[in-house]
Amino acid sequence: MDLRLFLRILRRFRAVFVAGLLVAILLSVLSVAKVSANGGKPTLTYRKPLQYESDTTLFVTQPGFPWGRGNVSPSEPGADPGRYANLAIVYSQFVSNDFVRREARAPYGSTYEGVPLPDGNGGVLNFILIKATSASPGVARALAGRVTSGLQNYIAQQQAANGITPKNRVILQVTVKPTKPHVAVKPSITRPLFVFILVMSLVFGLVLVLENLRPHLKAVQTNGASADEHAVRPMRERSRLGA
């Protein structure tokens, strides 16, 4: 179809087009959001609550910060750096045990996990990332803090129960406190985009149907004028011949 012709048709039925556009936008919004009365004032909220995430980073190390010394004897406890990376893998699994779960007191619908940070070469670093998610930003941040404290307390409790001296203990040092919560997963635009395209397709179809049912009056007049001209022309020619 000629684009200019189509634009003229839309201009001709602009009231239908504008109304359809507004309906398409409204239905697209309502496909992912809902109107609720909050204190008597209508507010727009997502149908599926957003999930916010807050993160904490723990450094798996030992007292004295061995990472600051250039020369470490191979016989010194904890001299192998790879050992701390392996401990980060093991300790990250402890966040799901009963002790940490009790310390975390995660509200219903909130989740958390611990993962070792990758080193970019297929291995891991001696850092543990604690991720806490919740529908409330404040709850997510508080939960990240409780999980961190619970994991630290669990490791310290096990070390004390097994007689490990303080200088030989592995410690979990907080390097990044619970971060400002951010949206973990952004809402998908697939559904509202599909609804918008579907409604607008119906609107365009309706406009074309109306165009076919009600041809433009100007085109009718032009055709009528052409027919009259064809009828009058022979009469003019006969008049000239008679003259």
Protein backbone atom coordinates (compact mmCIF):
# COMPACT_ATOMS: atom_id res chain seq x y z
CA MET A 1 0.00 0.00 0.00
CA ASP A 2 1.13 3.53 -0.78
CA LEU A 3 2.36 5.11 2.46
CA ARG A 4 1.00 8.55 1.59
CA LEU A 5 -2.39 7.05 0.80
CA PHE A 6 -2.37 5.15 4.10
CA LEU A 7 -1.48 8.31 6.03
CA ARG A 8 -4.36 10.15 4.34
CA ILE A 9 -6.70 7.37 5.41
CA LEU A 10 -5.47 7.61 9.00
CA ARG A 11 -5.94 11.38 8.91
CA ARG A 12 -9.46 10.87 7.61
CA PHE A 13 -10.30 8.52 10.49
CA ARG A 14 -8.04 10.18 13.05
CA ALA A 15 -10.69 9.99 15.78
CA VAL A 16 -10.77 6.19 15.48
CA PHE A 17 -6.97 6.04 15.31
CA VAL A 18 -6.40 8.23 18.38
CA ALA A 19 -9.03 6.33 20.40
CA GLY A 20 -7.44 3.01 19.41
CA LEU A 21 -3.98 4.29 20.31
CA LEU A 22 -5.15 5.31 23.79
CA VAL A 23 -6.82 1.93 24.30
CA ALA A 24 -3.63 0.14 23.16
CA ILE A 25 -1.51 2.11 25.63
CA LEU A 26 -3.97 1.53 28.47
CA LEU A 27 -4.22 -2.22 27.88
CA SER A 28 -0.44 -2.51 27.55
CA VAL A 29 0.05 -0.86 30.93
CA LEU A 30 -2.68 -2.94 32.57
CA SER A 31 -1.08 -6.15 31.25
CA VAL A 32 1.82 -5.68 33.69
CA ALA A 33 0.33 -3.35 36.30
CA LYS A 34 -2.85 -2.92 38.28
CA VAL A 35 -4.66 -0.04 39.92
CA SER A 36 -5.04 -0.35 43.66
CA ALA A 37 -6.49 2.00 46.26
CA ASN A 38 -3.76 3.04 48.66
CA GLY A 39 -5.28 5.15 51.41
CA GLY A 40 -8.18 6.09 49.15
CA LYS A 41 -5.79 7.29 46.42
CA PRO A 42 -5.52 5.09 43.32
CA THR A 43 -1.96 3.95 42.63
CA LEU A 44 -0.39 1.90 39.87
CA THR A 45 1.60 -1.14 40.99
CA TYR A 46 3.14 -4.11 39.21
CA ARG A 47 0.98 -7.24 39.09
CA LYS A 48 4.06 -9.29 40.00
CA PRO A 49 6.02 -7.53 42.78
CA LEU A 50 9.54 -6.45 41.93
CA GLN A 51 12.36 -8.34 43.60
CA TYR A 52 15.14 -6.23 45.11
CA GLU A 53 18.64 -7.55 45.76
CA SER A 54 21.29 -6.50 48.27
CA ASP A 55 24.79 -8.00 48.24
CA THR A 56 27.56 -8.49 50.78
CA THR A 57 31.14 -9.56 50.03
CA LEU A 58 33.24 -11.62 52.45
CA PHE A 59 37.02 -12.08 52.24
CA VAL A 60 38.20 -15.56 53.25
CA THR A 61 41.57 -14.99 54.93
CA GLN A 62 43.44 -15.45 58.21
CA PRO A 63 44.62 -13.12 61.00
CA GLY A 64 47.55 -10.91 60.17
CA PHE A 65 46.63 -10.30 56.55
CA PRO A 66 49.11 -12.68 54.86
CA TRP A 67 48.24 -11.07 51.52
CA GLY A 68 50.31 -8.07 52.58
CA ARG A 69 53.53 -10.01 53.05
CA GLY A 70 55.83 -10.65 50.12
CA ASN A 71 57.66 -13.71 51.48
CA VAL A 72 55.65 -16.51 53.06
CA SER A 73 57.25 -19.76 54.13
CA PRO A 74 55.65 -22.81 52.49
CA SER A 75 55.50 -24.42 55.94
CA GLU A 76 53.50 -21.54 57.39
CA PRO A 77 49.84 -22.38 58.08
CA GLY A 78 47.63 -21.13 55.32
CA ALA A 79 50.52 -20.32 52.98
CA ASP A 80 48.75 -21.90 50.00
CA PRO A 81 46.51 -19.19 48.42
CA GLY A 82 44.48 -21.82 46.60
CA ARG A 83 43.32 -23.20 49.94
CA TYR A 84 41.34 -20.05 50.67
CA ALA A 85 39.63 -20.21 47.28
CA ASN A 86 38.61 -23.80 48.04
CA LEU A 87 37.35 -22.71 51.45
CA ALA A 88 35.29 -19.99 49.79
CA ILE A 89 33.54 -22.71 47.77
CA VAL A 90 32.88 -24.78 50.90
CA TYR A 91 31.84 -21.87 53.12
CA SER A 92 29.43 -20.52 50.50
CA GLN A 93 27.43 -23.73 50.93
CA PHE A 94 27.12 -23.21 54.68
CA VAL A 95 24.62 -20.34 54.19
CA SER A 96 21.90 -22.95 53.65
CA ASN A 97 22.49 -24.90 56.87
CA ASP A 98 20.06 -24.81 59.80
CA PHE A 99 22.20 -22.53 61.96
CA VAL A 100 22.48 -19.77 59.36
CA ARG A 101 18.82 -20.21 58.42
CA ARG A 102 17.79 -19.54 62.00
CA GLU A 103 20.09 -16.52 62.20
CA ALA A 104 18.81 -15.14 58.88
CA ARG A 105 15.09 -15.31 59.73
CA ALA A 106 14.21 -14.80 56.08
CA PRO A 107 10.61 -13.54 55.68
CA TYR A 108 8.20 -15.41 53.44
CA GLY A 109 8.98 -14.77 49.79
CA SER A 110 12.55 -13.64 50.50
CA THR A 111 15.56 -15.69 49.41
CA TYR A 112 19.33 -15.64 49.82
CA GLU A 113 22.38 -17.52 48.59
CA GLY A 114 26.17 -17.54 48.84
CA VAL A 115 28.45 -17.93 45.83
CA PRO A 116 32.25 -17.71 45.46
CA LEU A 117 33.39 -14.92 43.17
CA PRO A 118 34.84 -16.15 39.83
CA ASP A 119 38.36 -15.11 38.87
CA GLY A 120 37.56 -14.80 35.14
CA ASN A 121 39.67 -17.81 34.18
CA GLY A 122 37.28 -20.59 35.12
CA GLY A 123 38.34 -20.63 38.78
CA VAL A 124 37.21 -18.77 41.88
CA LEU A 125 38.66 -16.18 44.24
CA ASN A 126 38.74 -16.35 48.01
CA PHE A 127 35.69 -14.10 48.21
CA ILE A 128 32.09 -15.04 48.98
CA LEU A 129 29.19 -13.02 47.62
CA ILE A 130 26.02 -13.09 49.72
CA LYS A 131 22.89 -12.27 47.69
CA ALA A 132 19.60 -11.49 49.45
CA THR A 133 16.38 -10.77 47.55
CA SER A 134 12.98 -9.59 48.72
CA ALA A 135 9.97 -7.61 47.53
CA SER A 136 11.02 -4.88 49.96
CA PRO A 137 14.34 -3.03 49.52
CA GLY A 138 14.77 -2.61 53.27
CA VAL A 139 14.08 -6.27 53.97
CA ALA A 140 16.59 -7.35 51.32
CA ARG A 141 19.33 -5.21 52.86
CA ALA A 142 18.62 -6.35 56.40
CA LEU A 143 18.49 -9.98 55.28
CA ALA A 144 21.92 -9.70 53.63
CA GLY A 145 23.33 -8.43 56.91
CA ARG A 146 21.77 -11.23 58.98
CA VAL A 147 22.97 -13.95 56.60
CA THR A 148 26.50 -12.51 56.74
CA SER A 149 26.50 -12.43 60.54
CA GLY A 150 25.02 -15.93 60.70
CA LEU A 151 27.74 -17.39 58.48
CA GLN A 152 30.48 -15.66 60.46
CA ASN A 153 29.01 -16.89 63.75
CA TYR A 154 28.69 -20.44 62.44
CA ILE A 155 32.34 -20.63 61.35
CA ALA A 156 33.52 -19.08 64.64
CA GLN A 157 31.37 -21.51 66.64
CA GLN A 158 32.78 -24.53 64.82
CA GLN A 159 36.35 -23.29 65.28
CA ALA A 160 35.86 -22.80 69.00
CA ALA A 161 34.15 -26.17 69.40
CA ASN A 162 37.10 -27.92 67.72
CA GLY A 163 39.82 -26.11 69.67
CA ILE A 164 41.33 -24.13 66.81
CA THR A 165 43.50 -21.37 68.27
CA PRO A 166 42.66 -17.79 67.22
CA LYS A 167 45.93 -17.29 65.32
CA ASN A 168 45.24 -20.37 63.19
CA ARG A 169 41.62 -19.62 62.43
CA VAL A 170 40.23 -18.71 59.06
CA ILE A 171 38.22 -15.52 59.27
CA LEU A 172 35.46 -14.09 57.11
CA GLN A 173 36.15 -10.39 56.75
CA VAL A 174 33.42 -8.13 55.41
CA THR A 175 34.88 -6.11 52.55
CA VAL A 176 31.56 -4.78 51.20
CA LYS A 177 28.67 -4.13 53.56
CA PRO A 178 25.10 -4.79 52.37
CA THR A 179 24.77 -2.72 49.23
CA LYS A 180 21.95 -0.39 48.31
CA PRO A 181 19.12 -2.63 47.04
CA HIS A 182 18.59 -2.73 43.30
CA VAL A 183 15.99 -4.43 41.12
CA ALA A 184 17.18 -8.01 40.61
CA VAL A 185 15.17 -8.71 37.46
CA LYS A 186 13.68 -5.94 35.36
CA PRO A 187 10.07 -6.46 34.20
CA SER A 188 9.78 -7.98 30.75
CA ILE A 189 8.36 -5.77 27.99
CA THR A 190 7.29 -8.77 25.89
CA ARG A 191 3.68 -8.89 27.12
CA PRO A 192 2.87 -5.15 26.92
CA LEU A 193 4.57 -4.94 23.53
CA PHE A 194 2.51 -7.88 22.24
CA VAL A 195 -0.73 -6.32 23.55
CA PHE A 196 0.12 -2.95 21.98
CA ILE A 197 0.89 -4.48 18.58
CA LEU A 198 -2.24 -6.64 18.66
CA VAL A 199 -4.58 -3.75 19.51
CA MET A 200 -2.99 -1.41 16.95
CA SER A 201 -3.28 -4.12 14.28
CA LEU A 202 -6.99 -4.30 15.02
CA VAL A 203 -7.24 -0.51 14.84
CA PHE A 204 -5.52 -0.39 11.45
CA GLY A 205 -7.80 -3.15 10.22
CA LEU A 206 -10.86 -1.24 11.41
CA VAL A 207 -9.70 1.93 9.66
CA LEU A 208 -9.26 0.06 6.38
CA VAL A 209 -12.69 -1.51 6.71
CA LEU A 210 -14.24 1.91 7.31
CA GLU A 211 -12.40 3.26 4.27
CA ASN A 212 -13.82 0.50 2.09
CA LEU A 213 -17.33 0.99 3.47
CA ARG A 214 -17.25 4.79 3.20
CA PRO A 215 -15.12 5.90 0.22
CA HIS A 216 -13.86 9.43 0.35
CA LEU A 217 -16.48 11.89 -0.83
CA LYS A 218 -13.94 13.80 -2.89
CA ALA A 219 -13.15 10.71 -4.92
CA VAL A 220 -16.86 10.22 -5.59
CA GLN A 221 -17.25 13.82 -6.67
CA THR A 222 -14.24 13.58 -8.94
CA ASN A 223 -15.64 10.50 -10.61
CA GLY A 224 -18.99 12.21 -10.97
CA ALA A 225 -17.42 15.28 -12.54
CA SER A 226 -15.53 13.13 -15.01
CA ALA A 227 -18.73 11.37 -16.05
CA ASP A 228 -20.54 14.69 -16.61
CA GLU A 229 -17.64 15.97 -18.66
CA HIS A 230 -17.83 12.93 -20.93
CA ALA A 231 -21.57 13.52 -21.40
CA VAL A 232 -21.24 17.25 -22.15
CA ARG A 233 -18.29 17.00 -24.56
CA PRO A 234 -20.30 15.43 -27.49
CA MET A 235 -22.97 18.12 -27.08
CA ARG A 236 -20.32 20.84 -27.42
CA GLU A 237 -18.88 19.20 -30.49
CA ARG A 238 -22.35 18.99 -32.14
CA SER A 239 -22.90 22.65 -31.35
CA ARG A 240 -19.70 23.61 -33.15
CA LEU A 241 -20.64 21.52 -36.19
CA GLY A 242 -24.07 23.09 -36.36
CA ALA A 243 -22.54 26.53 -36.14
